[in-house]
Amino acid sequence: MYTKTITLNNGVVIPQLGLGTWFIDDAVVADAVKAATQIGYRHIDTAQAYGNERGVGEGVRTCGVPREELFVVSKVAAEHKTYEQAKNEEQICGYGHVSVF
């Protein structure tokens, strides 16, 4: 299992290898997240523009890996300019929290 990490300037540690979910349909992305975590992935990348955040959230919640062991990255649409708008997006996905927006 590949376990290398990168430490960001603020001390946050991020797994170097991540599952990118662009072009994975929302209806099947939960299975992709679960399969990836079963083989060792702990970094999951998504974005509002991908249209699959609901499924990514389902995969994160049901993969069997404790949420605190997963690093979830998401990007919100440019028109979401406030913290409240970003937090609302996080709630829609059901991740518990997003590691990096």
C-alpha atoms as a PDB file:
ATOM      1  CA  MET A   1       0.000   0.000   0.000  1.00  0.00           C
ATOM      2  CA  TYR A   2       1.311   3.467  -0.950  1.00  0.00           C
ATOM      3  CA  THR A   3       1.416   5.567   2.220  1.00  0.00           C
ATOM      4  CA  LYS A   4       3.608   8.583   1.385  1.00  0.00           C
ATOM      5  CA  THR A   5       2.302  11.939   2.578  1.00  0.00           C
ATOM      6  CA  ILE A   6       3.044  15.617   2.079  1.00  0.00           C
ATOM      7  CA  THR A   7       3.072  18.110   4.942  1.00  0.00           C
ATOM      8  CA  LEU A   8       1.579  21.449   3.963  1.00  0.00           C
ATOM      9  CA  ASN A   9       2.980  24.773   5.209  1.00  0.00           C
ATOM     10  CA  ASN A  10       0.326  24.890   7.933  1.00  0.00           C
ATOM     11  CA  GLY A  11       1.309  21.455   9.243  1.00  0.00           C
ATOM     12  CA  VAL A  12      -1.635  19.557   7.737  1.00  0.00           C
ATOM     13  CA  VAL A  13      -0.589  16.158   6.408  1.00  0.00           C
ATOM     14  CA  ILE A  14      -2.162  15.040   3.111  1.00  0.00           C
ATOM     15  CA  PRO A  15      -1.819  11.618   1.502  1.00  0.00           C
ATOM     16  CA  GLN A  16       0.243  12.037  -1.656  1.00  0.00           C
ATOM     17  CA  LEU A  17      -1.857   9.682  -3.791  1.00  0.00           C
ATOM     18  CA  GLY A  18      -5.538  10.474  -4.192  1.00  0.00           C
ATOM     19  CA  LEU A  19      -8.575   9.175  -6.028  1.00  0.00           C
ATOM     20  CA  GLY A  20      -9.779  11.745  -8.543  1.00  0.00           C
ATOM     21  CA  THR A  21     -13.500  11.445  -9.199  1.00  0.00           C
ATOM     22  CA  TRP A  22     -13.871  13.681 -12.265  1.00  0.00           C
ATOM     23  CA  PHE A  23     -16.027  11.955 -14.905  1.00  0.00           C
ATOM     24  CA  ILE A  24     -17.251   9.286 -12.472  1.00  0.00           C
ATOM     25  CA  ASP A  25     -21.048   9.434 -12.488  1.00  0.00           C
ATOM     26  CA  ASP A  26     -22.804  10.202  -9.218  1.00  0.00           C
ATOM     27  CA  ALA A  27     -24.720   6.913  -9.456  1.00  0.00           C
ATOM     28  CA  VAL A  28     -21.531   4.798  -9.342  1.00  0.00           C
ATOM     29  CA  VAL A  29     -18.938   6.959  -7.593  1.00  0.00           C
ATOM     30  CA  ALA A  30     -19.776   5.600  -4.112  1.00  0.00           C
ATOM     31  CA  ASP A  31     -18.631   2.161  -5.272  1.00  0.00           C
ATOM     32  CA  ALA A  32     -15.427   3.673  -6.694  1.00  0.00           C
ATOM     33  CA  VAL A  33     -14.698   5.393  -3.368  1.00  0.00           C
ATOM     34  CA  LYS A  34     -15.338   2.171  -1.453  1.00  0.00           C
ATOM     35  CA  ALA A  35     -13.104   0.144  -3.778  1.00  0.00           C
ATOM     36  CA  ALA A  36     -10.335   2.740  -3.563  1.00  0.00           C
ATOM     37  CA  THR A  37     -10.399   2.810   0.238  1.00  0.00           C
ATOM     38  CA  GLN A  38     -10.294  -1.001   0.323  1.00  0.00           C
ATOM     39  CA  ILE A  39      -6.948  -0.943  -1.511  1.00  0.00           C
ATOM     40  CA  GLY A  40      -5.512   1.818   0.646  1.00  0.00           C
ATOM     41  CA  TYR A  41      -6.537   5.210  -0.750  1.00  0.00           C
ATOM     42  CA  ARG A  42      -7.105   7.781   1.990  1.00  0.00           C
ATOM     43  CA  HIS A  43      -7.279  10.932  -0.177  1.00  0.00           C
ATOM     44  CA  ILE A  44     -10.479  11.538  -2.179  1.00  0.00           C
ATOM     45  CA  ASP A  45     -10.865  14.490  -4.565  1.00  0.00           C
ATOM     46  CA  THR A  46     -14.169  15.876  -5.844  1.00  0.00           C
ATOM     47  CA  ALA A  47     -15.748  19.189  -6.809  1.00  0.00           C
ATOM     48  CA  GLN A  48     -19.166  20.724  -7.086  1.00  0.00           C
ATOM     49  CA  ALA A  49     -18.664  20.988 -10.862  1.00  0.00           C
ATOM     50  CA  TYR A  50     -18.205  17.201 -11.140  1.00  0.00           C
ATOM     51  CA  GLY A  51     -21.835  16.663 -10.118  1.00  0.00           C
ATOM     52  CA  ASN A  52     -20.961  13.627  -8.004  1.00  0.00           C
ATOM     53  CA  GLU A  53     -20.462  14.978  -4.501  1.00  0.00           C
ATOM     54  CA  ARG A  54     -23.557  13.238  -3.150  1.00  0.00           C
ATOM     55  CA  GLY A  55     -22.178   9.874  -4.282  1.00  0.00           C
ATOM     56  CA  VAL A  56     -18.686  10.665  -3.014  1.00  0.00           C
ATOM     57  CA  GLY A  57     -20.236  11.515   0.351  1.00  0.00           C
ATOM     58  CA  GLU A  58     -22.100   8.214   0.373  1.00  0.00           C
ATOM     59  CA  GLY A  59     -18.884   6.359  -0.410  1.00  0.00           C
ATOM     60  CA  VAL A  60     -17.015   8.193   2.359  1.00  0.00           C
ATOM     61  CA  ARG A  61     -19.772   7.433   4.877  1.00  0.00           C
ATOM     62  CA  THR A  62     -20.131   3.752   3.967  1.00  0.00           C
ATOM     63  CA  CYS A  63     -16.591   2.658   3.035  1.00  0.00           C
ATOM     64  CA  GLY A  64     -15.755   1.333   6.498  1.00  0.00           C
ATOM     65  CA  VAL A  65     -12.765   3.647   7.029  1.00  0.00           C
ATOM     66  CA  PRO A  66     -13.166   6.102   9.920  1.00  0.00           C
ATOM     67  CA  ARG A  67     -13.794   9.610   8.564  1.00  0.00           C
ATOM     68  CA  GLU A  68     -10.844  11.041  10.483  1.00  0.00           C
ATOM     69  CA  GLU A  69      -8.539   8.740   8.459  1.00  0.00           C
ATOM     70  CA  LEU A  70      -9.749  10.145   5.124  1.00  0.00           C
ATOM     71  CA  PHE A  71      -8.607  13.382   3.481  1.00  0.00           C
ATOM     72  CA  VAL A  72     -11.427  14.769   1.328  1.00  0.00           C
ATOM     73  CA  VAL A  73     -10.761  17.636  -1.064  1.00  0.00           C
ATOM     74  CA  SER A  74     -13.562  19.540  -2.769  1.00  0.00           C
ATOM     75  CA  LYS A  75     -13.879  22.675  -4.821  1.00  0.00           C
ATOM     76  CA  VAL A  76     -16.955  24.899  -4.725  1.00  0.00           C
ATOM     77  CA  ALA A  77     -18.275  26.932  -7.626  1.00  0.00           C
ATOM     78  CA  ALA A  78     -16.740  30.367  -8.104  1.00  0.00           C
ATOM     79  CA  GLU A  79     -20.045  32.058  -7.321  1.00  0.00           C
ATOM     80  CA  HIS A  80     -19.923  30.674  -3.764  1.00  0.00           C
ATOM     81  CA  LYS A  81     -17.982  33.492  -2.162  1.00  0.00           C
ATOM     82  CA  THR A  82     -18.812  33.111   1.518  1.00  0.00           C
ATOM     83  CA  TYR A  83     -17.903  30.647   4.235  1.00  0.00           C
ATOM     84  CA  GLU A  84     -21.613  29.943   4.789  1.00  0.00           C
ATOM     85  CA  GLN A  85     -22.090  28.963   1.137  1.00  0.00           C
ATOM     86  CA  ALA A  86     -19.119  26.626   1.299  1.00  0.00           C
ATOM     87  CA  LYS A  87     -20.356  25.053   4.536  1.00  0.00           C
ATOM     88  CA  ASN A  88     -23.768  24.508   2.943  1.00  0.00           C
ATOM     89  CA  GLU A  89     -22.078  22.580   0.136  1.00  0.00           C
ATOM     90  CA  GLU A  90     -20.293  20.439   2.723  1.00  0.00           C
ATOM     91  CA  GLN A  91     -23.621  19.626   4.389  1.00  0.00           C
ATOM     92  CA  ILE A  92     -25.169  18.589   1.058  1.00  0.00           C
ATOM     93  CA  CYS A  93     -22.383  16.067   0.544  1.00  0.00           C
ATOM     94  CA  GLY A  94     -22.572  14.608   4.021  1.00  0.00           C
ATOM     95  CA  TYR A  95     -18.823  14.198   4.491  1.00  0.00           C
ATOM     96  CA  GLY A  96     -18.836  15.331   8.098  1.00  0.00           C
ATOM     97  CA  HIS A  97     -16.192  17.849   7.076  1.00  0.00           C
ATOM     98  CA  VAL A  98     -14.075  18.648   4.051  1.00  0.00           C
ATOM     99  CA  SER A  99     -10.343  18.527   4.685  1.00  0.00           C
ATOM    100  CA  VAL A 100      -9.563  21.228   2.088  1.00  0.00           C
ATOM    101  CA  PHE A 101     -11.859  23.473   0.046  1.00  0.00           C
END
